[in-house]
Each structure stands twice: as C-alpha cells, then as structure tokens.
Amino acid sequence: MEKISQKLSFTDRLVDQSAEAICQKCNLDRIEQLKLKLGLNVFVINVTKLVIIYFLAYLFQLLTAVIIFHVGFMMVRTFSYGSHAKSSQFCTIFSAILFLGCAKFCMMVPFSLYVLMILFAGTSSILWIYAPGVTKKNKIRYEEKKKLLRQKALCSNMIVFLISLGFNQTYIANLLMTGAFVAAVLTMPVLYKLLGDEKI
C-alpha cells in the first residue's frame, strides 16, 4: 500500500515537471496549461496503474491471461463508461485484485458454449439498461450521445463474443467474455457506492 502511494505521488512530480517543460517551449495560456496538466496527469496515472497491474500479473504468471482479459474489458468499457474508484490508490488495488482474480478463475474453470452465451446475453442486457454509466466525473449532456455510446457498447460486446467463438482455446474465450461482462457490471448503480463514485 505504501509503495503504491509512493509510486502514485511520483507521478504527480513527473506530470508537473513534464508540463513545465512543455509550457516553457510553447506559448500556452493559463487554461491551456491546466488542460495540458490534466491530460498528462490522467495519462501518466493510467500508465502507472497498468504497469503495476501487469507487473503483478507477471509475478503470478498470469500476464498473458490478464492482457487478454483487459482486451475484452476495454473493448466494452471504452463506450460503456461506468463507475470509477474514488482514489487512484484504491483503483489500483481494486483493479489488480479484479484483473488477477478473474484471470485466475478463467484459467481454472472452463466455460461451455452455453455459459458463454449466457455471459453474452447478461452483458448485453446490462449494457442495454445502464450504459453508458455517467458520473459527476464523467458527464454526458446529450441524449443522442448516450444512445450512440450504448449502441457502440452493444456492438463491441457482440464483436467480443464473435471473436471468442473463433478460438479453440477455451480459456481465451473465457477471458474475453468475462472482461466484457465485468465492464458491463461496472455501469450498474450498485457499484457506484462500493467504489465511492457519484452517479448523476
């Protein structure tokens, strides 16, 4: 926990130094500087989290499985949005446990085609009802955009399912579909309180 906190505080220093260096070379006004710093902060923190999670996956010999799970997860999450952890530290810990736990489970328990179809149907139903998951941190003002994101999330889930059917290795299909399902579950209101996020 302490090491993660130190790592994430290092990202703040890295963002400040990088933003300052860019601002010295470019003639940016105050608003542009703030936008730059925010963008760099989001990028560096997300990369840091990813490095930590992948490193832990490597230590537990689950790196390939976690990457496959992450692909299925992100294909849906990109459009479904959903709840976020209140702090970066909690997000890192929660994501590491979730990703490694799901990857290990999928490697141990083979899913039949019937189970994959249930996962697909469940994911589609959740996305149809709750996606996109909008929070105070991630607002979407226009209903048309919400509808478009929902459609894209549903299409992405369909693509993940079709890709899963193309693999002979059961564990790959397990990982892809479970990743998509987890992304859908994160749009459900019950997860907002658990993760300390605020739904609007």
N, C-alpha and C. Protein backbone atom coordinates (compact mmCIF):
# COMPACT_ATOMS: atom_id res chain seq x y z
N MET A 1 0.84 -1.20 0.00
CA MET A 1 0.00 0.00 0.00
C MET A 1 0.87 1.25 0.00
N GLU A 2 1.88 1.26 0.88
CA GLU A 2 2.77 2.41 0.98
C GLU A 2 3.58 2.59 -0.29
N LYS A 3 4.04 1.45 -0.88
CA LYS A 3 4.81 1.52 -2.12
C LYS A 3 3.96 2.08 -3.25
N ILE A 4 2.69 1.67 -3.30
CA ILE A 4 1.79 2.17 -4.34
C ILE A 4 1.58 3.66 -4.18
N SER A 5 1.40 4.12 -2.91
CA SER A 5 1.20 5.55 -2.65
C SER A 5 2.42 6.35 -3.08
N GLN A 6 3.63 5.82 -2.79
CA GLN A 6 4.85 6.49 -3.20
C GLN A 6 4.95 6.55 -4.71
N LYS A 7 4.56 5.46 -5.36
CA LYS A 7 4.62 5.40 -6.82
C LYS A 7 3.69 6.41 -7.44
N LEU A 8 2.47 6.53 -6.89
CA LEU A 8 1.49 7.46 -7.45
C LEU A 8 1.86 8.90 -7.15
N SER A 9 2.52 9.17 -5.99
CA SER A 9 2.96 10.53 -5.70
C SER A 9 4.10 10.91 -6.64
N PHE A 10 4.89 9.94 -7.07
CA PHE A 10 5.94 10.18 -8.05
C PHE A 10 5.34 10.65 -9.37
N THR A 11 4.18 10.12 -9.73
CA THR A 11 3.54 10.53 -10.98
C THR A 11 3.17 12.01 -10.95
N ASP A 12 2.78 12.51 -9.77
CA ASP A 12 2.45 13.94 -9.66
C ASP A 12 3.67 14.80 -9.97
N ARG A 13 4.81 14.40 -9.45
CA ARG A 13 6.04 15.15 -9.71
C ARG A 13 6.42 15.06 -11.18
N LEU A 14 6.24 13.88 -11.76
CA LEU A 14 6.57 13.70 -13.17
C LEU A 14 5.69 14.56 -14.06
N VAL A 15 4.40 14.62 -13.74
CA VAL A 15 3.46 15.44 -14.51
C VAL A 15 3.83 16.92 -14.41
N ASP A 16 4.13 17.38 -13.20
CA ASP A 16 4.49 18.79 -13.00
C ASP A 16 5.73 19.16 -13.81
N GLN A 17 6.75 18.31 -13.76
CA GLN A 17 7.99 18.58 -14.48
C GLN A 17 7.78 18.56 -15.99
N SER A 18 7.00 17.59 -16.47
CA SER A 18 6.73 17.48 -17.91
C SER A 18 5.92 18.67 -18.41
N ALA A 19 4.89 19.04 -17.65
CA ALA A 19 4.04 20.17 -18.04
C ALA A 19 4.84 21.46 -18.06
N GLU A 20 5.70 21.63 -17.07
CA GLU A 20 6.52 22.84 -17.00
C GLU A 20 7.47 22.93 -18.19
N ALA A 21 8.07 21.79 -18.56
CA ALA A 21 9.00 21.76 -19.69
C ALA A 21 8.29 22.10 -20.99
N ILE A 22 7.07 21.55 -21.18
CA ILE A 22 6.31 21.83 -22.41
C ILE A 22 5.86 23.28 -22.45
N CYS A 23 5.43 23.81 -21.31
CA CYS A 23 4.96 25.20 -21.25
C CYS A 23 6.07 26.19 -21.56
N GLN A 24 7.30 25.84 -21.19
CA GLN A 24 8.43 26.72 -21.47
C GLN A 24 8.73 26.80 -22.96
N LYS A 25 8.47 25.69 -23.67
CA LYS A 25 8.73 25.65 -25.11
C LYS A 25 7.57 26.20 -25.93
N CYS A 26 6.35 26.09 -25.39
CA CYS A 26 5.16 26.53 -26.12
C CYS A 26 4.52 27.72 -25.40
N ASN A 27 3.96 28.59 -26.17
CA ASN A 27 3.30 29.77 -25.60
C ASN A 27 1.85 29.42 -25.27
N LEU A 28 1.63 28.88 -24.08
CA LEU A 28 0.30 28.44 -23.67
C LEU A 28 -0.28 29.39 -22.64
N ASP A 29 -1.58 29.68 -22.78
CA ASP A 29 -2.23 30.50 -21.76
C ASP A 29 -2.57 29.63 -20.55
N ARG A 30 -3.14 30.25 -19.53
CA ARG A 30 -3.39 29.55 -18.27
C ARG A 30 -4.34 28.36 -18.45
N ILE A 31 -5.40 28.55 -19.22
CA ILE A 31 -6.37 27.48 -19.44
C ILE A 31 -5.73 26.31 -20.18
N GLU A 32 -4.92 26.62 -21.20
CA GLU A 32 -4.24 25.57 -21.96
C GLU A 32 -3.26 24.80 -21.08
N GLN A 33 -2.60 25.52 -20.17
CA GLN A 33 -1.67 24.86 -19.25
C GLN A 33 -2.39 23.88 -18.33
N LEU A 34 -3.56 24.31 -17.84
CA LEU A 34 -4.34 23.44 -16.96
C LEU A 34 -4.84 22.20 -17.70
N LYS A 35 -5.28 22.40 -18.96
CA LYS A 35 -5.73 21.27 -19.78
C LYS A 35 -4.59 20.30 -20.04
N LEU A 36 -3.41 20.85 -20.33
CA LEU A 36 -2.23 20.03 -20.58
C LEU A 36 -1.88 19.21 -19.35
N LYS A 37 -1.88 19.87 -18.19
CA LYS A 37 -1.53 19.18 -16.95
C LYS A 37 -2.54 18.09 -16.63
N LEU A 38 -3.82 18.38 -16.84
CA LEU A 38 -4.86 17.38 -16.58
C LEU A 38 -4.69 16.17 -17.49
N GLY A 39 -4.45 16.43 -18.78
CA GLY A 39 -4.27 15.35 -19.74
C GLY A 39 -3.06 14.49 -19.41
N LEU A 40 -1.95 15.14 -19.07
CA LEU A 40 -0.73 14.42 -18.69
C LEU A 40 -0.95 13.61 -17.42
N ASN A 41 -1.67 14.21 -16.48
CA ASN A 41 -1.93 13.54 -15.20
C ASN A 41 -2.73 12.26 -15.40
N VAL A 42 -3.79 12.34 -16.21
CA VAL A 42 -4.61 11.16 -16.49
C VAL A 42 -3.79 10.09 -17.20
N PHE A 43 -2.99 10.51 -18.19
CA PHE A 43 -2.19 9.57 -18.97
C PHE A 43 -1.15 8.86 -18.09
N VAL A 44 -0.39 9.64 -17.32
CA VAL A 44 0.69 9.06 -16.52
C VAL A 44 0.14 8.16 -15.42
N ILE A 45 -0.93 8.58 -14.76
CA ILE A 45 -1.51 7.76 -13.70
C ILE A 45 -2.04 6.44 -14.26
N ASN A 46 -2.71 6.50 -15.41
CA ASN A 46 -3.25 5.27 -16.01
C ASN A 46 -2.14 4.32 -16.44
N VAL A 47 -1.08 4.88 -17.01
CA VAL A 47 0.06 4.05 -17.41
C VAL A 47 0.72 3.43 -16.18
N THR A 48 0.85 4.21 -15.11
CA THR A 48 1.44 3.70 -13.88
C THR A 48 0.62 2.55 -13.30
N LYS A 49 -0.70 2.72 -13.28
CA LYS A 49 -1.58 1.65 -12.80
C LYS A 49 -1.40 0.39 -13.64
N LEU A 50 -1.34 0.60 -14.96
CA LEU A 50 -1.21 -0.54 -15.87
C LEU A 50 0.10 -1.28 -15.64
N VAL A 51 1.17 -0.53 -15.44
CA VAL A 51 2.48 -1.15 -15.19
C VAL A 51 2.43 -1.97 -13.90
N ILE A 52 1.83 -1.41 -12.85
CA ILE A 52 1.73 -2.13 -11.58
C ILE A 52 0.93 -3.42 -11.73
N ILE A 53 -0.23 -3.32 -12.40
CA ILE A 53 -1.10 -4.50 -12.57
C ILE A 53 -0.41 -5.56 -13.42
N TYR A 54 0.22 -5.15 -14.53
CA TYR A 54 0.90 -6.11 -15.40
C TYR A 54 2.12 -6.73 -14.71
N PHE A 55 2.80 -5.94 -13.88
CA PHE A 55 3.95 -6.48 -13.15
C PHE A 55 3.50 -7.54 -12.16
N LEU A 56 2.41 -7.26 -11.44
CA LEU A 56 1.86 -8.25 -10.51
C LEU A 56 1.41 -9.50 -11.27
N ALA A 57 0.80 -9.30 -12.43
CA ALA A 57 0.36 -10.43 -13.25
C ALA A 57 1.55 -11.27 -13.69
N TYR A 58 2.65 -10.60 -14.02
CA TYR A 58 3.88 -11.31 -14.40
C TYR A 58 4.41 -12.13 -13.23
N LEU A 59 4.40 -11.55 -12.03
CA LEU A 59 4.90 -12.26 -10.85
C LEU A 59 4.07 -13.52 -10.57
N PHE A 60 2.77 -13.44 -10.83
CA PHE A 60 1.88 -14.58 -10.57
C PHE A 60 1.68 -15.44 -11.81
N GLN A 61 2.51 -15.20 -12.84
CA GLN A 61 2.46 -15.97 -14.08
C GLN A 61 1.08 -15.92 -14.74
N LEU A 62 0.49 -14.72 -14.72
CA LEU A 62 -0.83 -14.51 -15.31
C LEU A 62 -0.83 -13.38 -16.34
N LEU A 63 0.35 -12.98 -16.80
CA LEU A 63 0.45 -11.80 -17.64
C LEU A 63 -0.37 -11.93 -18.92
N THR A 64 -0.20 -13.04 -19.64
CA THR A 64 -0.94 -13.23 -20.89
C THR A 64 -2.44 -13.24 -20.64
N ALA A 65 -2.86 -13.94 -19.59
CA ALA A 65 -4.28 -14.03 -19.26
C ALA A 65 -4.86 -12.66 -18.91
N VAL A 66 -4.11 -11.87 -18.15
CA VAL A 66 -4.59 -10.53 -17.76
C VAL A 66 -4.70 -9.62 -18.97
N ILE A 67 -3.75 -9.72 -19.89
CA ILE A 67 -3.80 -8.90 -21.10
C ILE A 67 -5.04 -9.25 -21.93
N ILE A 68 -5.31 -10.54 -22.10
CA ILE A 68 -6.49 -10.96 -22.87
C ILE A 68 -7.77 -10.48 -22.18
N PHE A 69 -7.84 -10.64 -20.86
CA PHE A 69 -8.99 -10.15 -20.09
C PHE A 69 -9.15 -8.64 -20.29
N HIS A 70 -8.04 -7.93 -20.25
CA HIS A 70 -8.06 -6.47 -20.39
C HIS A 70 -8.57 -6.04 -21.77
N VAL A 71 -8.23 -6.81 -22.79
CA VAL A 71 -8.72 -6.50 -24.15
C VAL A 71 -10.25 -6.57 -24.19
N GLY A 72 -10.81 -7.68 -23.68
CA GLY A 72 -12.27 -7.81 -23.64
C GLY A 72 -12.91 -6.72 -22.81
N PHE A 73 -12.28 -6.40 -21.70
CA PHE A 73 -12.77 -5.35 -20.79
C PHE A 73 -12.81 -3.99 -21.49
N MET A 74 -11.69 -3.61 -22.11
CA MET A 74 -11.59 -2.28 -22.71
C MET A 74 -12.43 -2.12 -23.96
N MET A 75 -12.65 -3.21 -24.70
CA MET A 75 -13.49 -3.11 -25.90
C MET A 75 -14.90 -2.65 -25.56
N VAL A 76 -15.38 -3.04 -24.38
CA VAL A 76 -16.71 -2.60 -23.93
C VAL A 76 -16.61 -1.33 -23.10
N ARG A 77 -15.66 -1.26 -22.21
CA ARG A 77 -15.51 -0.13 -21.28
C ARG A 77 -15.33 1.20 -22.00
N THR A 78 -14.67 1.17 -23.15
CA THR A 78 -14.43 2.39 -23.92
C THR A 78 -15.72 3.13 -24.22
N PHE A 79 -16.80 2.39 -24.42
CA PHE A 79 -18.08 3.01 -24.77
C PHE A 79 -19.11 2.95 -23.64
N SER A 80 -18.96 2.00 -22.74
CA SER A 80 -19.96 1.84 -21.68
C SER A 80 -19.73 2.76 -20.49
N TYR A 81 -18.47 3.25 -20.35
CA TYR A 81 -18.09 4.08 -19.21
C TYR A 81 -18.37 3.33 -17.91
N GLY A 82 -18.91 3.99 -16.90
CA GLY A 82 -19.19 3.30 -15.64
C GLY A 82 -18.44 3.89 -14.47
N SER A 83 -18.60 3.25 -13.32
CA SER A 83 -18.05 3.78 -12.08
C SER A 83 -16.53 3.70 -12.04
N HIS A 84 -15.96 4.64 -11.28
CA HIS A 84 -14.52 4.69 -11.04
C HIS A 84 -14.28 4.71 -9.55
N ALA A 85 -13.14 4.21 -9.13
CA ALA A 85 -12.78 4.28 -7.72
C ALA A 85 -12.53 5.72 -7.32
N LYS A 86 -12.76 6.02 -6.04
CA LYS A 86 -12.66 7.40 -5.57
C LYS A 86 -11.23 7.91 -5.59
N SER A 87 -10.26 7.02 -5.35
CA SER A 87 -8.85 7.42 -5.33
C SER A 87 -8.04 6.52 -6.25
N SER A 88 -6.89 7.03 -6.68
CA SER A 88 -6.01 6.26 -7.56
C SER A 88 -5.48 5.02 -6.86
N GLN A 89 -5.16 5.18 -5.55
CA GLN A 89 -4.64 4.04 -4.81
C GLN A 89 -5.66 2.91 -4.74
N PHE A 90 -6.90 3.26 -4.41
CA PHE A 90 -7.95 2.24 -4.31
C PHE A 90 -8.23 1.63 -5.68
N CYS A 91 -8.19 2.47 -6.73
CA CYS A 91 -8.41 1.98 -8.09
C CYS A 91 -7.35 0.94 -8.47
N THR A 92 -6.10 1.22 -8.12
CA THR A 92 -5.01 0.30 -8.44
C THR A 92 -5.18 -1.03 -7.72
N ILE A 93 -5.48 -0.95 -6.43
CA ILE A 93 -5.65 -2.17 -5.63
C ILE A 93 -6.86 -2.97 -6.11
N PHE A 94 -7.99 -2.27 -6.31
CA PHE A 94 -9.22 -2.92 -6.75
C PHE A 94 -9.03 -3.57 -8.12
N SER A 95 -8.40 -2.84 -9.05
CA SER A 95 -8.19 -3.35 -10.40
C SER A 95 -7.25 -4.55 -10.40
N ALA A 96 -6.20 -4.49 -9.58
CA ALA A 96 -5.25 -5.60 -9.52
C ALA A 96 -5.93 -6.87 -9.02
N ILE A 97 -6.71 -6.74 -7.95
CA ILE A 97 -7.43 -7.90 -7.41
C ILE A 97 -8.45 -8.42 -8.42
N LEU A 98 -9.18 -7.50 -9.05
CA LEU A 98 -10.21 -7.88 -10.02
C LEU A 98 -9.60 -8.57 -11.23
N PHE A 99 -8.58 -7.96 -11.82
CA PHE A 99 -7.98 -8.50 -13.04
C PHE A 99 -7.30 -9.84 -12.79
N LEU A 100 -6.48 -9.90 -11.74
CA LEU A 100 -5.76 -11.14 -11.46
C LEU A 100 -6.72 -12.24 -11.00
N GLY A 101 -7.72 -11.86 -10.19
CA GLY A 101 -8.69 -12.85 -9.72
C GLY A 101 -9.51 -13.44 -10.85
N CYS A 102 -10.00 -12.57 -11.74
CA CYS A 102 -10.80 -13.05 -12.88
C CYS A 102 -9.95 -13.88 -13.83
N ALA A 103 -8.71 -13.45 -14.05
CA ALA A 103 -7.82 -14.19 -14.95
C ALA A 103 -7.55 -15.59 -14.41
N LYS A 104 -7.27 -15.68 -13.11
CA LYS A 104 -7.00 -16.98 -12.49
C LYS A 104 -8.24 -17.87 -12.56
N PHE A 105 -9.41 -17.30 -12.28
CA PHE A 105 -10.65 -18.07 -12.31
C PHE A 105 -10.92 -18.62 -13.71
N CYS A 106 -10.73 -17.77 -14.72
CA CYS A 106 -10.98 -18.19 -16.11
C CYS A 106 -10.02 -19.27 -16.56
N MET A 107 -8.80 -19.25 -16.02
CA MET A 107 -7.82 -20.28 -16.36
C MET A 107 -8.17 -21.62 -15.72
N MET A 108 -8.83 -21.56 -14.57
CA MET A 108 -9.12 -22.78 -13.81
C MET A 108 -10.45 -23.42 -14.19
N VAL A 109 -11.43 -22.59 -14.56
CA VAL A 109 -12.78 -23.09 -14.80
C VAL A 109 -13.14 -22.96 -16.28
N PRO A 110 -13.25 -24.06 -17.01
CA PRO A 110 -13.63 -23.98 -18.43
C PRO A 110 -15.11 -23.65 -18.59
N PHE A 111 -15.40 -22.72 -19.50
CA PHE A 111 -16.79 -22.35 -19.79
C PHE A 111 -17.27 -23.10 -21.02
N SER A 112 -18.46 -23.63 -20.95
CA SER A 112 -19.07 -24.24 -22.14
C SER A 112 -19.62 -23.14 -23.04
N LEU A 113 -19.98 -23.50 -24.25
CA LEU A 113 -20.60 -22.54 -25.17
C LEU A 113 -21.87 -21.97 -24.57
N TYR A 114 -22.59 -22.81 -23.86
CA TYR A 114 -23.84 -22.38 -23.22
C TYR A 114 -23.57 -21.27 -22.20
N VAL A 115 -22.51 -21.43 -21.41
CA VAL A 115 -22.15 -20.41 -20.41
C VAL A 115 -21.72 -19.12 -21.09
N LEU A 116 -20.94 -19.24 -22.18
CA LEU A 116 -20.52 -18.05 -22.92
C LEU A 116 -21.72 -17.30 -23.47
N MET A 117 -22.71 -18.03 -23.93
CA MET A 117 -23.92 -17.39 -24.46
C MET A 117 -24.70 -16.68 -23.35
N ILE A 118 -24.72 -17.28 -22.17
CA ILE A 118 -25.38 -16.63 -21.03
C ILE A 118 -24.63 -15.35 -20.65
N LEU A 119 -23.30 -15.42 -20.65
CA LEU A 119 -22.49 -14.23 -20.36
C LEU A 119 -22.77 -13.13 -21.38
N PHE A 120 -22.82 -13.51 -22.64
CA PHE A 120 -23.11 -12.54 -23.70
C PHE A 120 -24.48 -11.90 -23.51
N ALA A 121 -25.48 -12.72 -23.23
CA ALA A 121 -26.84 -12.21 -23.03
C ALA A 121 -26.91 -11.32 -21.79
N GLY A 122 -26.23 -11.74 -20.72
CA GLY A 122 -26.22 -10.94 -19.49
C GLY A 122 -25.54 -9.60 -19.69
N THR A 123 -24.40 -9.63 -20.37
CA THR A 123 -23.66 -8.39 -20.65
C THR A 123 -24.50 -7.45 -21.51
N SER A 124 -25.12 -8.00 -22.54
CA SER A 124 -25.96 -7.18 -23.44
C SER A 124 -27.13 -6.55 -22.68
N SER A 125 -27.74 -7.32 -21.80
CA SER A 125 -28.89 -6.82 -21.03
C SER A 125 -28.47 -5.68 -20.11
N ILE A 126 -27.35 -5.86 -19.42
CA ILE A 126 -26.86 -4.81 -18.51
C ILE A 126 -26.52 -3.55 -19.28
N LEU A 127 -25.84 -3.70 -20.42
CA LEU A 127 -25.48 -2.55 -21.23
C LEU A 127 -26.72 -1.83 -21.76
N TRP A 128 -27.71 -2.60 -22.15
CA TRP A 128 -28.95 -2.01 -22.69
C TRP A 128 -29.66 -1.16 -21.63
N ILE A 129 -29.60 -1.62 -20.38
CA ILE A 129 -30.30 -0.91 -19.30
C ILE A 129 -29.48 0.25 -18.74
N TYR A 130 -28.18 0.04 -18.51
CA TYR A 130 -27.39 1.01 -17.74
C TYR A 130 -26.36 1.82 -18.54
N ALA A 131 -25.91 1.31 -19.67
CA ALA A 131 -24.84 2.01 -20.40
C ALA A 131 -25.41 3.22 -21.15
N PRO A 132 -24.61 4.28 -21.25
CA PRO A 132 -23.32 4.46 -20.60
C PRO A 132 -23.49 4.88 -19.14
N GLY A 133 -22.60 4.39 -18.29
CA GLY A 133 -22.64 4.75 -16.88
C GLY A 133 -22.06 6.14 -16.69
N VAL A 134 -22.91 7.10 -16.39
CA VAL A 134 -22.49 8.50 -16.30
C VAL A 134 -22.33 8.91 -14.84
N THR A 135 -21.20 9.54 -14.52
CA THR A 135 -20.94 10.02 -13.17
C THR A 135 -20.64 11.51 -13.20
N LYS A 136 -20.48 12.10 -12.02
CA LYS A 136 -20.14 13.52 -11.94
C LYS A 136 -18.77 13.79 -12.55
N LYS A 137 -17.89 12.79 -12.49
CA LYS A 137 -16.57 12.95 -13.08
C LYS A 137 -16.60 12.76 -14.59
N ASN A 138 -17.63 12.11 -15.07
CA ASN A 138 -17.68 11.76 -16.49
C ASN A 138 -19.09 12.03 -17.01
N LYS A 139 -19.37 13.30 -17.27
CA LYS A 139 -20.72 13.71 -17.64
C LYS A 139 -20.94 13.59 -19.15
N ILE A 140 -22.16 13.21 -19.52
CA ILE A 140 -22.58 13.22 -20.92
C ILE A 140 -23.90 13.98 -20.96
N ARG A 141 -23.91 15.13 -21.59
CA ARG A 141 -25.07 16.02 -21.52
C ARG A 141 -26.16 15.67 -22.52
N TYR A 142 -25.78 15.13 -23.66
CA TYR A 142 -26.76 14.95 -24.74
C TYR A 142 -27.24 13.51 -24.83
N GLU A 143 -28.56 13.36 -24.93
CA GLU A 143 -29.16 12.04 -25.00
C GLU A 143 -28.74 11.28 -26.26
N GLU A 144 -28.54 12.01 -27.35
CA GLU A 144 -28.12 11.37 -28.60
C GLU A 144 -26.75 10.70 -28.44
N LYS A 145 -25.86 11.38 -27.72
CA LYS A 145 -24.53 10.81 -27.49
C LYS A 145 -24.63 9.58 -26.60
N LYS A 146 -25.50 9.63 -25.59
CA LYS A 146 -25.70 8.47 -24.72
C LYS A 146 -26.20 7.27 -25.53
N LYS A 147 -27.15 7.54 -26.41
CA LYS A 147 -27.72 6.47 -27.24
C LYS A 147 -26.65 5.88 -28.16
N LEU A 148 -25.82 6.75 -28.74
CA LEU A 148 -24.75 6.29 -29.63
C LEU A 148 -23.74 5.44 -28.87
N LEU A 149 -23.35 5.89 -27.67
CA LEU A 149 -22.40 5.13 -26.86
C LEU A 149 -22.97 3.77 -26.46
N ARG A 150 -24.26 3.74 -26.14
CA ARG A 150 -24.91 2.47 -25.79
C ARG A 150 -24.86 1.50 -26.97
N GLN A 151 -25.16 2.02 -28.15
CA GLN A 151 -25.13 1.18 -29.35
C GLN A 151 -23.72 0.66 -29.62
N LYS A 152 -22.73 1.52 -29.45
CA LYS A 152 -21.34 1.11 -29.68
C LYS A 152 -20.91 0.07 -28.65
N ALA A 153 -21.34 0.24 -27.40
CA ALA A 153 -21.01 -0.74 -26.36
C ALA A 153 -21.62 -2.10 -26.68
N LEU A 154 -22.87 -2.09 -27.14
CA LEU A 154 -23.54 -3.34 -27.51
C LEU A 154 -22.87 -4.00 -28.71
N CYS A 155 -22.47 -3.19 -29.69
CA CYS A 155 -21.76 -3.73 -30.86
C CYS A 155 -20.41 -4.30 -30.47
N SER A 156 -19.71 -3.60 -29.57
CA SER A 156 -18.41 -4.09 -29.10
C SER A 156 -18.56 -5.42 -28.38
N ASN A 157 -19.62 -5.54 -27.59
CA ASN A 157 -19.87 -6.80 -26.89
C ASN A 157 -20.13 -7.93 -27.89
N MET A 158 -20.86 -7.62 -28.95
CA MET A 158 -21.11 -8.61 -30.00
C MET A 158 -19.80 -9.03 -30.67
N ILE A 159 -18.93 -8.07 -30.93
CA ILE A 159 -17.64 -8.36 -31.55
C ILE A 159 -16.80 -9.26 -30.65
N VAL A 160 -16.77 -8.92 -29.34
CA VAL A 160 -16.03 -9.75 -28.38
C VAL A 160 -16.56 -11.19 -28.39
N PHE A 161 -17.86 -11.33 -28.43
CA PHE A 161 -18.48 -12.67 -28.44
C PHE A 161 -18.10 -13.44 -29.70
N LEU A 162 -18.17 -12.78 -30.85
CA LEU A 162 -17.82 -13.45 -32.11
C LEU A 162 -16.35 -13.83 -32.15
N ILE A 163 -15.49 -12.95 -31.63
CA ILE A 163 -14.06 -13.26 -31.56
C ILE A 163 -13.85 -14.47 -30.65
N SER A 164 -14.56 -14.50 -29.53
CA SER A 164 -14.44 -15.61 -28.58
C SER A 164 -14.78 -16.94 -29.22
N LEU A 165 -15.80 -16.94 -30.07
CA LEU A 165 -16.22 -18.18 -30.73
C LEU A 165 -15.16 -18.69 -31.70
N GLY A 166 -14.27 -17.81 -32.14
CA GLY A 166 -13.26 -18.20 -33.12
C GLY A 166 -12.04 -18.87 -32.53
N PHE A 167 -11.94 -18.92 -31.19
CA PHE A 167 -10.77 -19.51 -30.55
C PHE A 167 -11.06 -20.94 -30.10
N ASN A 168 -10.11 -21.83 -30.42
CA ASN A 168 -10.22 -23.21 -29.96
C ASN A 168 -9.88 -23.33 -28.47
N GLN A 169 -8.98 -22.43 -28.02
CA GLN A 169 -8.59 -22.46 -26.61
C GLN A 169 -9.72 -21.86 -25.77
N THR A 170 -10.31 -22.67 -24.92
CA THR A 170 -11.45 -22.24 -24.12
C THR A 170 -11.12 -21.06 -23.22
N TYR A 171 -9.90 -21.06 -22.64
CA TYR A 171 -9.57 -20.03 -21.66
C TYR A 171 -9.54 -18.64 -22.29
N ILE A 172 -9.20 -18.54 -23.59
CA ILE A 172 -9.18 -17.23 -24.25
C ILE A 172 -10.60 -16.68 -24.36
N ALA A 173 -11.53 -17.54 -24.77
CA ALA A 173 -12.94 -17.13 -24.84
C ALA A 173 -13.45 -16.74 -23.46
N ASN A 174 -13.06 -17.53 -22.45
CA ASN A 174 -13.45 -17.21 -21.07
C ASN A 174 -13.01 -15.81 -20.68
N LEU A 175 -11.74 -15.53 -20.94
CA LEU A 175 -11.15 -14.25 -20.53
C LEU A 175 -11.80 -13.07 -21.26
N LEU A 176 -11.99 -13.20 -22.56
CA LEU A 176 -12.58 -12.11 -23.34
C LEU A 176 -14.00 -11.81 -22.88
N MET A 177 -14.82 -12.84 -22.74
CA MET A 177 -16.22 -12.63 -22.37
C MET A 177 -16.36 -12.17 -20.92
N THR A 178 -15.51 -12.68 -20.05
CA THR A 178 -15.55 -12.24 -18.65
C THR A 178 -15.13 -10.78 -18.54
N GLY A 179 -14.12 -10.38 -19.33
CA GLY A 179 -13.70 -8.98 -19.35
C GLY A 179 -14.83 -8.06 -19.78
N ALA A 180 -15.54 -8.46 -20.83
CA ALA A 180 -16.68 -7.67 -21.31
C ALA A 180 -17.78 -7.60 -20.25
N PHE A 181 -18.03 -8.73 -19.59
CA PHE A 181 -19.07 -8.78 -18.56
C PHE A 181 -18.74 -7.87 -17.38
N VAL A 182 -17.50 -7.88 -16.94
CA VAL A 182 -17.07 -7.03 -15.83
C VAL A 182 -17.23 -5.55 -16.19
N ALA A 183 -16.88 -5.20 -17.42
CA ALA A 183 -17.05 -3.81 -17.87
C ALA A 183 -18.51 -3.40 -17.81
N ALA A 184 -19.40 -4.31 -18.17
CA ALA A 184 -20.84 -4.01 -18.12
C ALA A 184 -21.32 -3.86 -16.68
N VAL A 185 -20.85 -4.74 -15.80
CA VAL A 185 -21.27 -4.70 -14.39
C VAL A 185 -20.89 -3.36 -13.76
N LEU A 186 -19.77 -2.78 -14.18
CA LEU A 186 -19.32 -1.51 -13.62
C LEU A 186 -20.23 -0.34 -13.99
N THR A 187 -21.19 -0.55 -14.87
CA THR A 187 -22.16 0.50 -15.19
C THR A 187 -23.37 0.44 -14.25
N MET A 188 -23.48 -0.60 -13.45
CA MET A 188 -24.64 -0.78 -12.57
C MET A 188 -24.55 0.13 -11.35
N PRO A 189 -25.66 0.75 -10.95
CA PRO A 189 -25.66 1.71 -9.83
C PRO A 189 -25.11 1.15 -8.53
N VAL A 190 -25.29 -0.14 -8.27
CA VAL A 190 -24.83 -0.72 -7.02
C VAL A 190 -23.32 -0.59 -6.86
N LEU A 191 -22.59 -0.54 -7.98
CA LEU A 191 -21.12 -0.43 -7.93
C LEU A 191 -20.66 0.97 -7.58
N TYR A 192 -21.48 1.97 -7.79
CA TYR A 192 -21.07 3.35 -7.54
C TYR A 192 -20.79 3.58 -6.06
N LYS A 193 -21.66 3.06 -5.20
CA LYS A 193 -21.45 3.22 -3.76
C LYS A 193 -20.25 2.43 -3.29
N LEU A 194 -20.07 1.23 -3.83
CA LEU A 194 -18.95 0.38 -3.44
C LEU A 194 -17.62 1.05 -3.74
N LEU A 195 -17.53 1.69 -4.91
CA LEU A 195 -16.27 2.30 -5.33
C LEU A 195 -16.15 3.76 -4.91
N GLY A 196 -17.18 4.30 -4.27
CA GLY A 196 -17.10 5.68 -3.80
C GLY A 196 -17.30 6.70 -4.89
N ASP A 197 -17.89 6.30 -6.01
CA ASP A 197 -18.15 7.23 -7.11
C ASP A 197 -19.54 7.82 -6.93
N GLU A 198 -19.83 8.88 -7.70
CA GLU A 198 -21.13 9.54 -7.60
C GLU A 198 -21.83 9.52 -8.94
N LYS A 199 -22.98 8.86 -8.98
CA LYS A 199 -23.78 8.82 -10.21
C LYS A 199 -24.64 10.07 -10.29
N ILE A 200 -24.85 10.58 -11.53
CA ILE A 200 -25.71 11.75 -11.70
C ILE A 200 -27.01 11.33 -12.34
